[in-house]
Amino acid sequence: MIAYDWFDIHHLDKLFFMNEAFLVSLFVSTGLALLVIPYSKRRPKGTPTSWGEAMLASVFAFGVMVIAFGVVPDRWIAHSDADLGWTKNRIIYGPGDILRPKALGGSYFPFTMSYEALRDIIVVLIHVWYFGLLIFLWGKWQKRGDAPAAGTEVATSSFGRPLVKKG
C-alpha cells in the first residue's frame, strides 16, 4: 500500500509546492502590500505629506513591487526548473493521458504542451495576482475616509421593500 505521511516533517520537501524562498517571498510581499489598508484608515484624506513621509512611502512601495514582480516570479521559475524539473522536454499528458497530444498518439488534445509552458502560465498568473492586488489597494487608498452620501437611504416597508411615493 502506498501512502503519504503528511505530518512527517522530514519529508515535506517532496511536496511540489514546498519551496521556502518562493512561499516566503509570496506571503511577505502580499502581507506588506496589505499593510496599506490599516494605514489608510489612520491617515485622513487631504493630510499634507512631508518630504520624509513621501520618501519612506516610495521606498516601501518600490521594495514591495521588487519583491512582488521580481523575486516571487524568479523563485517560482527557479523552483520549477531545478526542483520540479519542468523543462521543455517534459510533455503534459494529464491523468489517464487525457491531455496526450494527437501528435504523440493521443485522440483528443490538439496541441503539445510542455511543463515549461505551464510554468510560464503560472508566472503570468502571479503577475495578474499582484496587478489585481495593486488595483484593489489603489481603490482602497483613494476611497479612504469617504462617507456614504447622507439622505440616499430610501424608506422601506415592514417587508423590506422600498416605499416609493407616486407623484
N, C-alpha and C. Protein backbone atom coordinates (compact mmCIF):
# COMPACT_ATOMS: atom_id res chain seq x y z
N MET A 1 0.84 -1.18 0.00
CA MET A 1 0.00 0.00 0.00
C MET A 1 0.89 1.24 0.00
N ILE A 2 0.59 2.17 -0.89
CA ILE A 2 1.36 3.40 -0.98
C ILE A 2 0.57 4.49 -0.27
N ALA A 3 1.20 5.13 0.68
CA ALA A 3 0.55 6.21 1.42
C ALA A 3 1.57 7.33 1.61
N TYR A 4 1.06 8.52 1.84
CA TYR A 4 1.94 9.65 2.09
C TYR A 4 1.67 10.16 3.49
N ASP A 5 2.70 10.27 4.29
CA ASP A 5 2.58 10.77 5.65
C ASP A 5 2.68 12.29 5.60
N TRP A 6 1.54 12.97 5.67
CA TRP A 6 1.52 14.42 5.54
C TRP A 6 2.13 15.14 6.73
N PHE A 7 2.29 14.47 7.85
CA PHE A 7 2.78 15.12 9.04
C PHE A 7 4.22 14.77 9.35
N ASP A 8 4.89 14.08 8.46
CA ASP A 8 6.30 13.75 8.64
C ASP A 8 7.11 14.95 8.18
N ILE A 9 7.65 15.72 9.13
CA ILE A 9 8.33 16.97 8.79
C ILE A 9 9.66 16.74 8.07
N HIS A 10 10.17 15.53 8.07
CA HIS A 10 11.45 15.27 7.41
C HIS A 10 11.29 15.03 5.92
N HIS A 11 10.07 14.85 5.45
CA HIS A 11 9.86 14.60 4.03
C HIS A 11 8.94 15.63 3.38
N LEU A 12 8.80 16.79 3.98
CA LEU A 12 7.95 17.83 3.40
C LEU A 12 8.55 18.42 2.13
N ASP A 13 9.84 18.25 1.91
CA ASP A 13 10.45 18.77 0.71
C ASP A 13 10.01 18.02 -0.54
N LYS A 14 9.33 16.91 -0.39
CA LYS A 14 8.85 16.13 -1.53
C LYS A 14 7.56 16.71 -2.12
N LEU A 15 6.89 17.60 -1.40
CA LEU A 15 5.69 18.21 -1.92
C LEU A 15 6.07 19.25 -2.98
N PHE A 16 5.29 19.33 -4.05
CA PHE A 16 5.66 20.18 -5.18
C PHE A 16 5.64 21.66 -4.83
N PHE A 17 4.83 22.07 -3.88
CA PHE A 17 4.71 23.49 -3.58
C PHE A 17 5.65 23.94 -2.47
N MET A 18 6.42 23.02 -1.90
CA MET A 18 7.27 23.37 -0.77
C MET A 18 8.62 23.91 -1.24
N ASN A 19 8.68 25.19 -1.40
CA ASN A 19 9.93 25.88 -1.66
C ASN A 19 9.90 27.12 -0.78
N GLU A 20 10.77 27.14 0.21
CA GLU A 20 10.71 28.19 1.22
C GLU A 20 10.90 29.58 0.63
N ALA A 21 11.84 29.72 -0.30
CA ALA A 21 12.11 31.03 -0.86
C ALA A 21 10.89 31.57 -1.61
N PHE A 22 10.24 30.71 -2.38
CA PHE A 22 9.05 31.13 -3.12
C PHE A 22 7.91 31.47 -2.17
N LEU A 23 7.63 30.59 -1.22
CA LEU A 23 6.49 30.80 -0.32
C LEU A 23 6.70 32.01 0.58
N VAL A 24 7.90 32.19 1.11
CA VAL A 24 8.15 33.34 1.99
C VAL A 24 8.04 34.63 1.20
N SER A 25 8.61 34.69 -0.01
CA SER A 25 8.52 35.92 -0.80
C SER A 25 7.07 36.21 -1.20
N LEU A 26 6.30 35.16 -1.51
CA LEU A 26 4.88 35.35 -1.86
C LEU A 26 4.10 35.91 -0.69
N PHE A 27 4.24 35.31 0.48
CA PHE A 27 3.47 35.75 1.65
C PHE A 27 3.96 37.09 2.19
N VAL A 28 5.25 37.34 2.17
CA VAL A 28 5.78 38.61 2.67
C VAL A 28 5.33 39.75 1.77
N SER A 29 5.43 39.58 0.46
CA SER A 29 5.04 40.67 -0.45
C SER A 29 3.54 40.94 -0.37
N THR A 30 2.73 39.89 -0.28
CA THR A 30 1.28 40.10 -0.16
C THR A 30 0.95 40.76 1.18
N GLY A 31 1.58 40.30 2.25
CA GLY A 31 1.34 40.88 3.57
C GLY A 31 1.77 42.34 3.65
N LEU A 32 2.94 42.65 3.09
CA LEU A 32 3.39 44.05 3.10
C LEU A 32 2.47 44.93 2.28
N ALA A 33 1.98 44.42 1.17
CA ALA A 33 1.06 45.21 0.35
C ALA A 33 -0.25 45.45 1.10
N LEU A 34 -0.72 44.45 1.83
CA LEU A 34 -1.98 44.59 2.55
C LEU A 34 -1.86 45.50 3.78
N LEU A 35 -0.64 45.86 4.17
CA LEU A 35 -0.47 46.81 5.28
C LEU A 35 -0.99 48.20 4.92
N VAL A 36 -1.22 48.44 3.64
CA VAL A 36 -1.75 49.73 3.22
C VAL A 36 -3.16 49.94 3.76
N ILE A 37 -3.93 48.87 3.92
CA ILE A 37 -5.33 49.01 4.36
C ILE A 37 -5.42 49.59 5.77
N PRO A 38 -4.73 49.02 6.79
CA PRO A 38 -4.85 49.65 8.11
C PRO A 38 -4.23 51.05 8.15
N TYR A 39 -3.17 51.29 7.35
CA TYR A 39 -2.58 52.62 7.33
C TYR A 39 -3.54 53.62 6.70
N SER A 40 -4.31 53.20 5.69
CA SER A 40 -5.24 54.13 5.05
C SER A 40 -6.37 54.53 6.00
N LYS A 41 -6.69 53.68 6.97
CA LYS A 41 -7.73 54.03 7.94
C LYS A 41 -7.23 55.05 8.95
N ARG A 42 -5.91 55.11 9.15
CA ARG A 42 -5.34 56.05 10.12
C ARG A 42 -5.04 57.41 9.49
N ARG A 43 -4.83 57.45 8.19
CA ARG A 43 -4.43 58.70 7.54
C ARG A 43 -5.61 59.33 6.82
N PRO A 44 -6.09 60.47 7.33
CA PRO A 44 -7.23 61.12 6.68
C PRO A 44 -6.87 61.68 5.31
N LYS A 45 -7.89 61.81 4.48
CA LYS A 45 -7.70 62.37 3.15
C LYS A 45 -7.36 63.86 3.27
N GLY A 46 -6.44 64.32 2.45
CA GLY A 46 -6.08 65.74 2.45
C GLY A 46 -4.99 66.11 3.44
N THR A 47 -4.46 65.15 4.19
CA THR A 47 -3.38 65.44 5.12
C THR A 47 -2.11 65.74 4.33
N PRO A 48 -1.45 66.86 4.62
CA PRO A 48 -0.22 67.17 3.88
C PRO A 48 0.87 66.12 4.16
N THR A 49 1.63 65.83 3.14
CA THR A 49 2.70 64.83 3.24
C THR A 49 4.04 65.54 3.33
N SER A 50 4.84 65.16 4.31
CA SER A 50 6.18 65.75 4.43
C SER A 50 7.13 65.04 3.45
N TRP A 51 8.29 65.62 3.28
CA TRP A 51 9.29 65.05 2.39
C TRP A 51 9.71 63.68 2.88
N GLY A 52 9.92 63.54 4.16
CA GLY A 52 10.34 62.26 4.73
C GLY A 52 9.28 61.17 4.57
N GLU A 53 8.02 61.54 4.77
CA GLU A 53 6.94 60.56 4.59
C GLU A 53 6.85 60.10 3.14
N ALA A 54 7.01 61.04 2.22
CA ALA A 54 6.94 60.69 0.81
C ALA A 54 8.10 59.76 0.42
N MET A 55 9.29 60.04 0.94
CA MET A 55 10.44 59.18 0.62
C MET A 55 10.28 57.80 1.23
N LEU A 56 9.80 57.74 2.46
CA LEU A 56 9.59 56.44 3.10
C LEU A 56 8.53 55.62 2.37
N ALA A 57 7.45 56.28 1.96
CA ALA A 57 6.39 55.58 1.24
C ALA A 57 6.87 55.10 -0.13
N SER A 58 7.68 55.90 -0.80
CA SER A 58 8.18 55.49 -2.11
C SER A 58 9.16 54.33 -2.00
N VAL A 59 10.01 54.32 -0.98
CA VAL A 59 10.94 53.20 -0.78
C VAL A 59 10.14 51.93 -0.42
N PHE A 60 9.11 52.08 0.40
CA PHE A 60 8.27 50.94 0.76
C PHE A 60 7.58 50.37 -0.47
N ALA A 61 6.95 51.25 -1.27
CA ALA A 61 6.23 50.79 -2.46
C ALA A 61 7.19 50.15 -3.46
N PHE A 62 8.36 50.74 -3.65
CA PHE A 62 9.35 50.18 -4.57
C PHE A 62 9.82 48.81 -4.07
N GLY A 63 10.07 48.69 -2.79
CA GLY A 63 10.53 47.41 -2.24
C GLY A 63 9.49 46.31 -2.37
N VAL A 64 8.23 46.66 -2.11
CA VAL A 64 7.17 45.66 -2.25
C VAL A 64 7.03 45.23 -3.70
N MET A 65 7.13 46.18 -4.63
CA MET A 65 7.00 45.83 -6.04
C MET A 65 8.20 45.03 -6.55
N VAL A 66 9.38 45.30 -6.03
CA VAL A 66 10.55 44.49 -6.42
C VAL A 66 10.35 43.05 -5.97
N ILE A 67 9.88 42.88 -4.74
CA ILE A 67 9.64 41.51 -4.25
C ILE A 67 8.52 40.87 -5.06
N ALA A 68 7.42 41.60 -5.28
CA ALA A 68 6.25 41.03 -5.95
C ALA A 68 6.50 40.70 -7.41
N PHE A 69 7.11 41.61 -8.15
CA PHE A 69 7.26 41.42 -9.59
C PHE A 69 8.64 40.92 -10.00
N GLY A 70 9.58 40.85 -9.06
CA GLY A 70 10.91 40.37 -9.37
C GLY A 70 11.26 39.08 -8.67
N VAL A 71 11.17 39.08 -7.36
CA VAL A 71 11.63 37.93 -6.59
C VAL A 71 10.66 36.76 -6.68
N VAL A 72 9.37 37.01 -6.50
CA VAL A 72 8.39 35.91 -6.48
C VAL A 72 8.39 35.14 -7.80
N PRO A 73 8.27 35.80 -8.98
CA PRO A 73 8.32 35.03 -10.22
C PRO A 73 9.66 34.33 -10.43
N ASP A 74 10.75 34.98 -10.05
CA ASP A 74 12.07 34.35 -10.20
C ASP A 74 12.20 33.10 -9.35
N ARG A 75 11.71 33.17 -8.12
CA ARG A 75 11.79 32.00 -7.25
C ARG A 75 10.90 30.86 -7.76
N TRP A 76 9.75 31.19 -8.36
CA TRP A 76 8.90 30.14 -8.93
C TRP A 76 9.59 29.48 -10.12
N ILE A 77 10.20 30.29 -10.98
CA ILE A 77 10.89 29.73 -12.15
C ILE A 77 12.07 28.87 -11.70
N ALA A 78 12.84 29.35 -10.73
CA ALA A 78 13.97 28.56 -10.23
C ALA A 78 13.50 27.25 -9.60
N HIS A 79 12.41 27.31 -8.84
CA HIS A 79 11.87 26.10 -8.20
C HIS A 79 11.35 25.11 -9.24
N SER A 80 10.61 25.60 -10.22
CA SER A 80 10.04 24.69 -11.20
C SER A 80 11.12 24.09 -12.10
N ASP A 81 12.17 24.84 -12.38
CA ASP A 81 13.26 24.30 -13.20
C ASP A 81 14.12 23.32 -12.43
N ALA A 82 14.58 23.73 -11.25
CA ALA A 82 15.55 22.92 -10.51
C ALA A 82 14.91 21.79 -9.73
N ASP A 83 13.86 22.09 -8.97
CA ASP A 83 13.28 21.09 -8.08
C ASP A 83 12.24 20.20 -8.77
N LEU A 84 11.40 20.80 -9.59
CA LEU A 84 10.33 20.04 -10.22
C LEU A 84 10.73 19.45 -11.57
N GLY A 85 11.76 20.01 -12.19
CA GLY A 85 12.21 19.51 -13.48
C GLY A 85 11.25 19.82 -14.61
N TRP A 86 10.57 20.96 -14.52
CA TRP A 86 9.61 21.33 -15.56
C TRP A 86 10.37 21.95 -16.72
N THR A 87 10.78 21.14 -17.66
CA THR A 87 11.54 21.60 -18.82
C THR A 87 10.69 21.47 -20.07
N LYS A 88 11.26 21.93 -21.19
CA LYS A 88 10.57 21.86 -22.47
C LYS A 88 10.41 20.42 -22.94
N ASN A 89 11.27 19.53 -22.48
CA ASN A 89 11.23 18.13 -22.91
C ASN A 89 10.12 17.33 -22.25
N ARG A 90 9.65 17.76 -21.10
CA ARG A 90 8.58 17.03 -20.41
C ARG A 90 7.23 17.50 -20.93
N ILE A 91 6.48 16.57 -21.47
CA ILE A 91 5.17 16.87 -22.05
C ILE A 91 4.08 16.53 -21.03
N ILE A 92 3.05 17.36 -20.99
CA ILE A 92 1.93 17.13 -20.08
C ILE A 92 0.98 16.12 -20.72
N TYR A 93 0.77 15.01 -20.04
CA TYR A 93 -0.18 14.01 -20.51
C TYR A 93 -1.46 14.03 -19.68
N GLY A 94 -1.41 14.50 -18.48
CA GLY A 94 -2.59 14.58 -17.63
C GLY A 94 -2.99 13.24 -17.05
N PRO A 95 -3.97 13.24 -16.18
CA PRO A 95 -4.42 11.98 -15.59
C PRO A 95 -5.12 11.12 -16.65
N GLY A 96 -4.72 9.88 -16.73
CA GLY A 96 -5.31 8.97 -17.71
C GLY A 96 -4.98 9.34 -19.14
N ASP A 97 -3.94 10.08 -19.36
CA ASP A 97 -3.49 10.54 -20.69
C ASP A 97 -4.56 11.33 -21.45
N ILE A 98 -5.41 12.06 -20.73
CA ILE A 98 -6.45 12.82 -21.42
C ILE A 98 -5.88 14.04 -22.15
N LEU A 99 -4.69 14.49 -21.76
CA LEU A 99 -4.06 15.64 -22.42
C LEU A 99 -2.95 15.21 -23.38
N ARG A 100 -2.87 13.92 -23.67
CA ARG A 100 -1.85 13.42 -24.62
C ARG A 100 -2.16 14.02 -25.99
N PRO A 101 -1.18 14.72 -26.58
CA PRO A 101 -1.44 15.37 -27.87
C PRO A 101 -1.64 14.35 -28.99
N LYS A 102 -2.38 14.77 -30.01
CA LYS A 102 -2.61 13.90 -31.18
C LYS A 102 -1.30 13.53 -31.86
N ALA A 103 -0.34 14.44 -31.83
CA ALA A 103 0.95 14.18 -32.48
C ALA A 103 1.71 13.04 -31.80
N LEU A 104 1.39 12.76 -30.54
CA LEU A 104 2.08 11.69 -29.81
C LEU A 104 1.15 10.51 -29.53
N GLY A 105 0.13 10.35 -30.33
CA GLY A 105 -0.73 9.18 -30.19
C GLY A 105 -2.00 9.41 -29.40
N GLY A 106 -2.27 10.63 -29.00
CA GLY A 106 -3.50 10.91 -28.27
C GLY A 106 -4.68 11.01 -29.20
N SER A 107 -5.86 11.08 -28.65
CA SER A 107 -7.03 11.11 -29.52
C SER A 107 -7.79 12.43 -29.51
N TYR A 108 -7.62 13.27 -28.49
CA TYR A 108 -8.46 14.47 -28.39
C TYR A 108 -7.68 15.78 -28.37
N PHE A 109 -6.59 15.84 -27.64
CA PHE A 109 -5.89 17.12 -27.39
C PHE A 109 -5.16 17.57 -28.65
N PRO A 110 -5.47 18.75 -29.18
CA PRO A 110 -4.95 19.14 -30.49
C PRO A 110 -3.51 19.69 -30.51
N PHE A 111 -2.93 20.01 -29.37
CA PHE A 111 -1.57 20.56 -29.38
C PHE A 111 -0.74 19.98 -28.26
N THR A 112 0.57 20.13 -28.40
CA THR A 112 1.52 19.62 -27.42
C THR A 112 1.84 20.72 -26.43
N MET A 113 1.72 20.41 -25.14
CA MET A 113 2.00 21.41 -24.11
C MET A 113 3.03 20.84 -23.15
N SER A 114 4.11 21.58 -22.97
CA SER A 114 5.17 21.13 -22.07
C SER A 114 4.98 21.73 -20.68
N TYR A 115 5.71 21.18 -19.75
CA TYR A 115 5.66 21.71 -18.38
C TYR A 115 6.27 23.11 -18.31
N GLU A 116 7.17 23.42 -19.23
CA GLU A 116 7.74 24.77 -19.26
C GLU A 116 6.65 25.80 -19.59
N ALA A 117 5.73 25.45 -20.47
CA ALA A 117 4.62 26.36 -20.78
C ALA A 117 3.71 26.53 -19.56
N LEU A 118 3.48 25.44 -18.83
CA LEU A 118 2.68 25.53 -17.60
C LEU A 118 3.38 26.42 -16.57
N ARG A 119 4.69 26.30 -16.47
CA ARG A 119 5.47 27.16 -15.58
C ARG A 119 5.28 28.63 -15.94
N ASP A 120 5.33 28.94 -17.24
CA ASP A 120 5.18 30.32 -17.68
C ASP A 120 3.76 30.83 -17.48
N ILE A 121 2.77 29.97 -17.61
CA ILE A 121 1.39 30.37 -17.34
C ILE A 121 1.23 30.71 -15.86
N ILE A 122 1.87 29.95 -15.00
CA ILE A 122 1.80 30.24 -13.56
C ILE A 122 2.49 31.57 -13.25
N VAL A 123 3.58 31.89 -13.95
CA VAL A 123 4.24 33.19 -13.76
C VAL A 123 3.30 34.32 -14.17
N VAL A 124 2.58 34.14 -15.27
CA VAL A 124 1.62 35.15 -15.70
C VAL A 124 0.52 35.32 -14.64
N LEU A 125 0.05 34.20 -14.07
CA LEU A 125 -0.98 34.28 -13.03
C LEU A 125 -0.46 34.97 -11.77
N ILE A 126 0.82 34.78 -11.45
CA ILE A 126 1.42 35.51 -10.32
C ILE A 126 1.38 37.01 -10.59
N HIS A 127 1.74 37.41 -11.81
CA HIS A 127 1.69 38.83 -12.15
C HIS A 127 0.26 39.36 -12.12
N VAL A 128 -0.70 38.58 -12.61
CA VAL A 128 -2.10 39.01 -12.58
C VAL A 128 -2.56 39.19 -11.12
N TRP A 129 -2.13 38.28 -10.22
CA TRP A 129 -2.48 38.40 -8.81
C TRP A 129 -1.99 39.73 -8.24
N TYR A 130 -0.74 40.08 -8.53
CA TYR A 130 -0.20 41.32 -7.97
C TYR A 130 -0.78 42.56 -8.64
N PHE A 131 -1.04 42.52 -9.96
CA PHE A 131 -1.70 43.65 -10.59
C PHE A 131 -3.08 43.87 -10.00
N GLY A 132 -3.85 42.80 -9.81
CA GLY A 132 -5.16 42.91 -9.19
C GLY A 132 -5.09 43.44 -7.77
N LEU A 133 -4.10 42.96 -7.01
CA LEU A 133 -3.92 43.42 -5.64
C LEU A 133 -3.58 44.91 -5.61
N LEU A 134 -2.72 45.37 -6.51
CA LEU A 134 -2.37 46.79 -6.55
C LEU A 134 -3.56 47.65 -6.94
N ILE A 135 -4.34 47.21 -7.91
CA ILE A 135 -5.53 47.97 -8.30
C ILE A 135 -6.52 48.04 -7.14
N PHE A 136 -6.72 46.93 -6.45
CA PHE A 136 -7.60 46.91 -5.28
C PHE A 136 -7.11 47.88 -4.20
N LEU A 137 -5.80 47.87 -3.93
CA LEU A 137 -5.26 48.75 -2.89
C LEU A 137 -5.30 50.21 -3.30
N TRP A 138 -5.07 50.51 -4.59
CA TRP A 138 -5.20 51.89 -5.05
C TRP A 138 -6.62 52.39 -4.84
N GLY A 139 -7.60 51.55 -5.15
CA GLY A 139 -9.00 51.93 -4.93
C GLY A 139 -9.30 52.18 -3.46
N LYS A 140 -8.79 51.29 -2.59
CA LYS A 140 -8.99 51.47 -1.14
C LYS A 140 -8.36 52.78 -0.68
N TRP A 141 -7.17 53.07 -1.18
CA TRP A 141 -6.47 54.29 -0.76
C TRP A 141 -7.23 55.53 -1.23
N GLN A 142 -7.72 55.52 -2.46
CA GLN A 142 -8.41 56.69 -2.99
C GLN A 142 -9.76 56.93 -2.30
N LYS A 143 -10.40 55.87 -1.83
CA LYS A 143 -11.71 55.99 -1.21
C LYS A 143 -11.64 56.08 0.31
N ARG A 144 -10.46 56.21 0.87
CA ARG A 144 -10.35 56.25 2.33
C ARG A 144 -11.05 57.50 2.85
N GLY A 145 -11.77 57.33 3.93
CA GLY A 145 -12.43 58.45 4.58
C GLY A 145 -13.69 58.92 3.89
N ASP A 146 -14.05 58.35 2.77
CA ASP A 146 -15.29 58.76 2.11
C ASP A 146 -16.47 58.14 2.84
N ALA A 147 -17.38 59.00 3.28
CA ALA A 147 -18.59 58.52 3.95
C ALA A 147 -19.68 58.38 2.89
N PRO A 148 -20.59 57.47 3.08
CA PRO A 148 -21.70 57.39 2.12
C PRO A 148 -22.52 58.67 2.15
N ALA A 149 -23.07 59.02 1.01
CA ALA A 149 -23.84 60.26 0.91
C ALA A 149 -25.06 60.20 1.82
N ALA A 150 -25.25 61.26 2.58
CA ALA A 150 -26.38 61.30 3.53
C ALA A 150 -27.69 61.52 2.78
N GLY A 151 -28.74 60.89 3.25
CA GLY A 151 -30.05 61.08 2.68
C GLY A 151 -30.33 60.21 1.47
N THR A 152 -29.48 59.29 1.15
CA THR A 152 -29.72 58.44 -0.01
C THR A 152 -30.50 57.18 0.34
N GLU A 153 -30.74 56.94 1.63
CA GLU A 153 -31.50 55.77 2.02
C GLU A 153 -32.97 55.98 1.69
N VAL A 154 -33.58 54.96 1.16
CA VAL A 154 -34.99 55.00 0.82
C VAL A 154 -35.75 54.29 1.92
N ALA A 155 -36.87 54.86 2.33
CA ALA A 155 -37.68 54.23 3.38
C ALA A 155 -38.19 52.88 2.89
N THR A 156 -38.21 51.91 3.80
CA THR A 156 -38.65 50.56 3.43
C THR A 156 -39.87 50.18 4.25
N SER A 157 -40.65 49.27 3.69
CA SER A 157 -41.82 48.76 4.39
C SER A 157 -41.39 47.72 5.40
N SER A 158 -42.35 47.18 6.15
CA SER A 158 -42.01 46.15 7.13
C SER A 158 -41.57 44.86 6.46
N PHE A 159 -41.82 44.74 5.15
CA PHE A 159 -41.37 43.57 4.40
C PHE A 159 -40.00 43.77 3.77
N GLY A 160 -39.42 44.95 3.92
CA GLY A 160 -38.09 45.23 3.39
C GLY A 160 -38.09 45.80 1.98
N ARG A 161 -39.27 46.08 1.43
CA ARG A 161 -39.34 46.64 0.08
C ARG A 161 -39.29 48.16 0.17
N PRO A 162 -38.68 48.80 -0.83
CA PRO A 162 -38.63 50.27 -0.80
C PRO A 162 -40.00 50.89 -0.99
N LEU A 163 -40.26 51.94 -0.23
CA LEU A 163 -41.50 52.67 -0.37
C LEU A 163 -41.29 53.82 -1.36
N VAL A 164 -42.06 53.81 -2.41
CA VAL A 164 -41.92 54.84 -3.43
C VAL A 164 -43.21 55.63 -3.49
N LYS A 165 -43.08 56.95 -3.41
CA LYS A 165 -44.24 57.82 -3.43
C LYS A 165 -44.63 58.07 -4.89
N LYS A 166 -45.92 57.83 -5.20
CA LYS A 166 -46.39 58.08 -6.56
C LYS A 166 -46.59 59.57 -6.71
N GLY A 167 -46.07 60.08 -7.81
CA GLY A 167 -46.11 61.50 -7.95
C GLY A 167 -46.81 62.01 -9.08
